[in-house]
Amino acid sequence: MAEVKVAPVVYAMPDEDHEHLHIEVELPGVAKEAITLSMHDDSFFVRASKEGVRYVGSYATCCPIDYEKAKATYHNGLLVIDVPYKKPQVRGIEIPIT
């Protein structure tokens, strides 16, 4: 039997305080050990497999995220990721005029 590649169903939204991005990825029937999750400044990648099916997806986030502080859990076919948004960086300084 040939392996079928499909994109997982993904749901993403900010939390109530707009401080974290909450992501849910549906991976029915997949063992936790068969999941790979990679996160970057503005995107994330999921790869998972079970017999005959490979889930693969790369997704952009709406805003830059602090991926080093991401937390992920997996239970009953649902991968849940919570990651804080990056705080805006103040760039530049005020220059006194003489």
N, C-alpha and C. Protein backbone atom coordinates (compact mmCIF):
# COMPACT_ATOMS: atom_id res chain seq x y z
N MET A 1 0.83 -1.18 0.00
CA MET A 1 0.00 0.00 0.00
C MET A 1 0.88 1.25 0.00
N ALA A 2 0.58 2.18 -0.86
CA ALA A 2 1.35 3.42 -0.95
C ALA A 2 0.98 4.36 0.18
N GLU A 3 1.96 5.12 0.63
CA GLU A 3 1.72 6.10 1.69
C GLU A 3 1.06 7.34 1.11
N VAL A 4 0.05 7.86 1.79
CA VAL A 4 -0.66 9.05 1.36
C VAL A 4 -0.14 10.24 2.17
N LYS A 5 0.20 11.34 1.49
CA LYS A 5 0.64 12.55 2.18
C LYS A 5 -0.52 13.54 2.23
N VAL A 6 -0.82 14.02 3.43
CA VAL A 6 -1.90 14.98 3.62
C VAL A 6 -1.46 16.08 4.58
N ALA A 7 -2.10 17.24 4.45
CA ALA A 7 -1.85 18.33 5.38
C ALA A 7 -2.78 18.15 6.57
N PRO A 8 -2.27 18.27 7.79
CA PRO A 8 -3.14 18.14 8.95
C PRO A 8 -4.07 19.35 9.09
N VAL A 9 -5.18 19.15 9.78
CA VAL A 9 -6.07 20.26 10.08
C VAL A 9 -5.43 21.07 11.19
N VAL A 10 -5.34 22.40 10.98
CA VAL A 10 -4.68 23.28 11.94
C VAL A 10 -5.64 24.42 12.30
N TYR A 11 -5.70 24.72 13.59
CA TYR A 11 -6.51 25.81 14.11
C TYR A 11 -5.55 26.68 14.93
N ALA A 12 -5.53 28.00 14.66
CA ALA A 12 -4.63 28.89 15.40
C ALA A 12 -5.34 30.19 15.71
N MET A 13 -5.13 30.67 16.94
CA MET A 13 -5.71 31.95 17.34
C MET A 13 -4.95 32.50 18.55
N PRO A 14 -5.01 33.83 18.77
CA PRO A 14 -4.37 34.39 19.95
C PRO A 14 -5.17 34.06 21.20
N ASP A 15 -4.50 34.07 22.34
CA ASP A 15 -5.22 33.87 23.60
C ASP A 15 -6.02 35.15 23.92
N GLU A 16 -6.76 35.12 25.02
CA GLU A 16 -7.63 36.24 25.37
C GLU A 16 -6.88 37.55 25.56
N ASP A 17 -5.64 37.47 26.05
CA ASP A 17 -4.85 38.68 26.29
C ASP A 17 -3.97 39.07 25.10
N HIS A 18 -4.04 38.31 24.04
CA HIS A 18 -3.22 38.54 22.84
C HIS A 18 -1.72 38.54 23.15
N GLU A 19 -1.33 37.67 24.10
CA GLU A 19 0.08 37.53 24.46
C GLU A 19 0.68 36.24 23.91
N HIS A 20 -0.15 35.25 23.64
CA HIS A 20 0.31 33.95 23.15
C HIS A 20 -0.50 33.53 21.92
N LEU A 21 0.15 32.78 21.06
CA LEU A 21 -0.54 32.14 19.94
C LEU A 21 -0.86 30.72 20.38
N HIS A 22 -2.12 30.33 20.25
CA HIS A 22 -2.59 28.99 20.60
C HIS A 22 -2.84 28.25 19.30
N ILE A 23 -2.19 27.09 19.14
CA ILE A 23 -2.29 26.30 17.90
C ILE A 23 -2.74 24.90 18.25
N GLU A 24 -3.69 24.38 17.47
CA GLU A 24 -4.11 22.99 17.61
C GLU A 24 -3.94 22.30 16.27
N VAL A 25 -3.30 21.13 16.28
CA VAL A 25 -3.05 20.36 15.06
C VAL A 25 -3.67 18.97 15.24
N GLU A 26 -4.59 18.60 14.36
CA GLU A 26 -5.24 17.30 14.45
C GLU A 26 -4.37 16.23 13.76
N LEU A 27 -3.99 15.22 14.54
CA LEU A 27 -3.18 14.12 14.05
C LEU A 27 -3.79 12.80 14.54
N PRO A 28 -4.96 12.43 14.04
CA PRO A 28 -5.65 11.24 14.55
C PRO A 28 -4.87 9.95 14.33
N GLY A 29 -4.78 9.17 15.40
CA GLY A 29 -4.14 7.87 15.31
C GLY A 29 -2.63 7.87 15.29
N VAL A 30 -2.00 9.02 15.45
CA VAL A 30 -0.54 9.12 15.40
C VAL A 30 0.03 8.96 16.81
N ALA A 31 1.08 8.19 16.94
CA ALA A 31 1.79 8.06 18.22
C ALA A 31 2.65 9.30 18.45
N LYS A 32 2.76 9.73 19.70
CA LYS A 32 3.55 10.93 20.03
C LYS A 32 4.97 10.83 19.50
N GLU A 33 5.56 9.65 19.54
CA GLU A 33 6.94 9.46 19.08
C GLU A 33 7.09 9.65 17.56
N ALA A 34 5.99 9.66 16.83
CA ALA A 34 6.04 9.79 15.37
C ALA A 34 5.81 11.23 14.90
N ILE A 35 5.87 12.19 15.84
CA ILE A 35 5.61 13.59 15.52
C ILE A 35 6.90 14.39 15.60
N THR A 36 7.13 15.24 14.60
CA THR A 36 8.23 16.19 14.61
C THR A 36 7.63 17.58 14.50
N LEU A 37 8.01 18.48 15.40
CA LEU A 37 7.54 19.85 15.40
C LEU A 37 8.74 20.77 15.40
N SER A 38 8.81 21.69 14.44
CA SER A 38 9.88 22.69 14.38
C SER A 38 9.23 24.07 14.36
N MET A 39 9.77 24.98 15.14
CA MET A 39 9.23 26.34 15.18
C MET A 39 10.33 27.34 14.85
N HIS A 40 9.92 28.42 14.19
CA HIS A 40 10.83 29.48 13.76
C HIS A 40 10.22 30.82 14.16
N ASP A 41 10.88 31.92 13.86
CA ASP A 41 10.39 33.26 14.23
C ASP A 41 8.98 33.54 13.73
N ASP A 42 8.65 33.07 12.55
CA ASP A 42 7.37 33.44 11.94
C ASP A 42 6.64 32.25 11.30
N SER A 43 7.00 31.03 11.71
CA SER A 43 6.36 29.86 11.11
C SER A 43 6.62 28.62 11.96
N PHE A 44 5.90 27.54 11.61
CA PHE A 44 6.15 26.25 12.24
C PHE A 44 5.91 25.14 11.23
N PHE A 45 6.53 24.00 11.48
CA PHE A 45 6.48 22.86 10.58
C PHE A 45 6.11 21.62 11.39
N VAL A 46 5.18 20.84 10.87
CA VAL A 46 4.75 19.61 11.53
C VAL A 46 4.90 18.45 10.55
N ARG A 47 5.46 17.35 11.06
CA ARG A 47 5.54 16.11 10.29
C ARG A 47 5.16 14.99 11.25
N ALA A 48 4.28 14.13 10.80
CA ALA A 48 3.86 13.00 11.62
C ALA A 48 3.44 11.87 10.69
N SER A 49 3.49 10.64 11.21
CA SER A 49 3.09 9.53 10.34
C SER A 49 2.47 8.41 11.15
N LYS A 50 1.61 7.70 10.48
CA LYS A 50 1.03 6.46 10.99
C LYS A 50 0.94 5.53 9.78
N GLU A 51 0.56 4.33 9.98
CA GLU A 51 0.55 3.35 8.89
C GLU A 51 -0.27 3.87 7.71
N GLY A 52 0.41 4.06 6.57
CA GLY A 52 -0.25 4.46 5.34
C GLY A 52 -0.49 5.94 5.16
N VAL A 53 -0.23 6.76 6.19
CA VAL A 53 -0.51 8.20 6.10
C VAL A 53 0.67 8.99 6.66
N ARG A 54 1.06 10.01 5.93
CA ARG A 54 2.07 10.95 6.43
C ARG A 54 1.45 12.35 6.42
N TYR A 55 1.42 12.98 7.59
CA TYR A 55 0.94 14.35 7.72
C TYR A 55 2.13 15.28 7.61
N VAL A 56 2.04 16.27 6.72
CA VAL A 56 3.12 17.22 6.53
C VAL A 56 2.52 18.59 6.31
N GLY A 57 3.04 19.59 7.03
CA GLY A 57 2.55 20.95 6.82
C GLY A 57 3.52 21.98 7.35
N SER A 58 3.60 23.09 6.63
CA SER A 58 4.41 24.23 7.04
C SER A 58 3.48 25.44 7.05
N TYR A 59 3.47 26.18 8.16
CA TYR A 59 2.48 27.24 8.34
C TYR A 59 3.13 28.52 8.83
N ALA A 60 2.69 29.64 8.28
CA ALA A 60 3.16 30.95 8.74
C ALA A 60 2.32 31.36 9.94
N THR A 61 2.94 32.06 10.89
CA THR A 61 2.20 32.62 12.01
C THR A 61 1.86 34.07 11.65
N CYS A 62 0.86 34.62 12.31
CA CYS A 62 0.41 35.96 11.96
C CYS A 62 1.40 37.05 12.39
N CYS A 63 2.20 36.76 13.40
CA CYS A 63 3.16 37.71 13.95
C CYS A 63 4.40 36.94 14.40
N PRO A 64 5.52 37.62 14.60
CA PRO A 64 6.71 36.93 15.11
C PRO A 64 6.43 36.31 16.48
N ILE A 65 6.95 35.10 16.68
CA ILE A 65 6.75 34.39 17.93
C ILE A 65 8.09 34.12 18.60
N ASP A 66 8.04 33.93 19.90
CA ASP A 66 9.24 33.60 20.68
C ASP A 66 9.32 32.07 20.76
N TYR A 67 9.75 31.45 19.68
CA TYR A 67 9.70 30.00 19.54
C TYR A 67 10.49 29.25 20.61
N GLU A 68 11.48 29.88 21.21
CA GLU A 68 12.26 29.22 22.26
C GLU A 68 11.44 28.99 23.53
N LYS A 69 10.31 29.67 23.66
CA LYS A 69 9.45 29.53 24.84
C LYS A 69 8.18 28.74 24.52
N ALA A 70 8.13 28.09 23.38
CA ALA A 70 6.95 27.32 22.99
C ALA A 70 6.79 26.10 23.88
N LYS A 71 5.52 25.74 24.14
CA LYS A 71 5.20 24.54 24.91
C LYS A 71 4.20 23.73 24.10
N ALA A 72 4.46 22.43 23.97
CA ALA A 72 3.59 21.56 23.18
C ALA A 72 3.19 20.34 23.99
N THR A 73 1.93 19.94 23.84
CA THR A 73 1.43 18.71 24.46
C THR A 73 0.66 17.93 23.40
N TYR A 74 0.57 16.64 23.60
CA TYR A 74 -0.14 15.79 22.65
C TYR A 74 -0.98 14.78 23.43
N HIS A 75 -2.27 14.72 23.08
CA HIS A 75 -3.17 13.80 23.76
C HIS A 75 -4.35 13.49 22.83
N ASN A 76 -4.64 12.21 22.68
CA ASN A 76 -5.79 11.75 21.88
C ASN A 76 -5.85 12.36 20.48
N GLY A 77 -4.73 12.40 19.79
CA GLY A 77 -4.72 12.87 18.41
C GLY A 77 -4.69 14.37 18.23
N LEU A 78 -4.53 15.12 19.31
CA LEU A 78 -4.51 16.58 19.21
C LEU A 78 -3.20 17.13 19.77
N LEU A 79 -2.42 17.76 18.89
CA LEU A 79 -1.19 18.44 19.27
C LEU A 79 -1.54 19.89 19.60
N VAL A 80 -1.25 20.32 20.82
CA VAL A 80 -1.57 21.68 21.26
C VAL A 80 -0.26 22.41 21.53
N ILE A 81 -0.12 23.57 20.92
CA ILE A 81 1.10 24.38 21.04
C ILE A 81 0.71 25.76 21.53
N ASP A 82 1.37 26.24 22.56
CA ASP A 82 1.19 27.61 23.03
C ASP A 82 2.55 28.28 23.00
N VAL A 83 2.61 29.42 22.34
CA VAL A 83 3.89 30.12 22.17
C VAL A 83 3.64 31.63 22.31
N PRO A 84 4.47 32.34 23.10
CA PRO A 84 4.27 33.78 23.24
C PRO A 84 4.68 34.53 21.97
N TYR A 85 3.98 35.62 21.74
CA TYR A 85 4.40 36.52 20.67
C TYR A 85 5.67 37.22 21.12
N LYS A 86 6.50 37.60 20.17
CA LYS A 86 7.70 38.38 20.50
C LYS A 86 7.26 39.79 20.87
N LYS A 87 7.91 40.31 21.88
CA LYS A 87 7.64 41.69 22.28
C LYS A 87 8.26 42.61 21.23
N PRO A 88 7.56 43.69 20.87
CA PRO A 88 8.12 44.61 19.89
C PRO A 88 9.45 45.18 20.36
N GLN A 89 10.37 45.25 19.48
CA GLN A 89 11.68 45.82 19.80
C GLN A 89 11.67 47.30 19.45
N VAL A 90 12.10 48.10 20.40
CA VAL A 90 12.21 49.53 20.13
C VAL A 90 13.50 49.72 19.36
N ARG A 91 13.37 50.23 18.18
CA ARG A 91 14.55 50.43 17.35
C ARG A 91 14.79 51.93 17.18
N GLY A 92 16.02 52.27 17.27
CA GLY A 92 16.37 53.67 17.12
C GLY A 92 16.38 54.40 18.46
N ILE A 93 16.93 55.56 18.44
CA ILE A 93 16.99 56.41 19.64
C ILE A 93 16.70 57.84 19.21
N GLU A 94 16.30 58.65 20.18
CA GLU A 94 16.07 60.06 19.89
C GLU A 94 17.41 60.78 19.90
N ILE A 95 17.64 61.58 18.90
CA ILE A 95 18.92 62.30 18.76
C ILE A 95 18.66 63.78 19.10
N PRO A 96 19.38 64.31 20.07
CA PRO A 96 19.21 65.74 20.38
C PRO A 96 19.75 66.60 19.26
N ILE A 97 19.05 67.66 19.01
CA ILE A 97 19.47 68.59 17.94
C ILE A 97 20.09 69.81 18.60
N THR A 98 21.30 70.16 18.17
CA THR A 98 21.98 71.30 18.76
C THR A 98 22.06 72.46 17.80
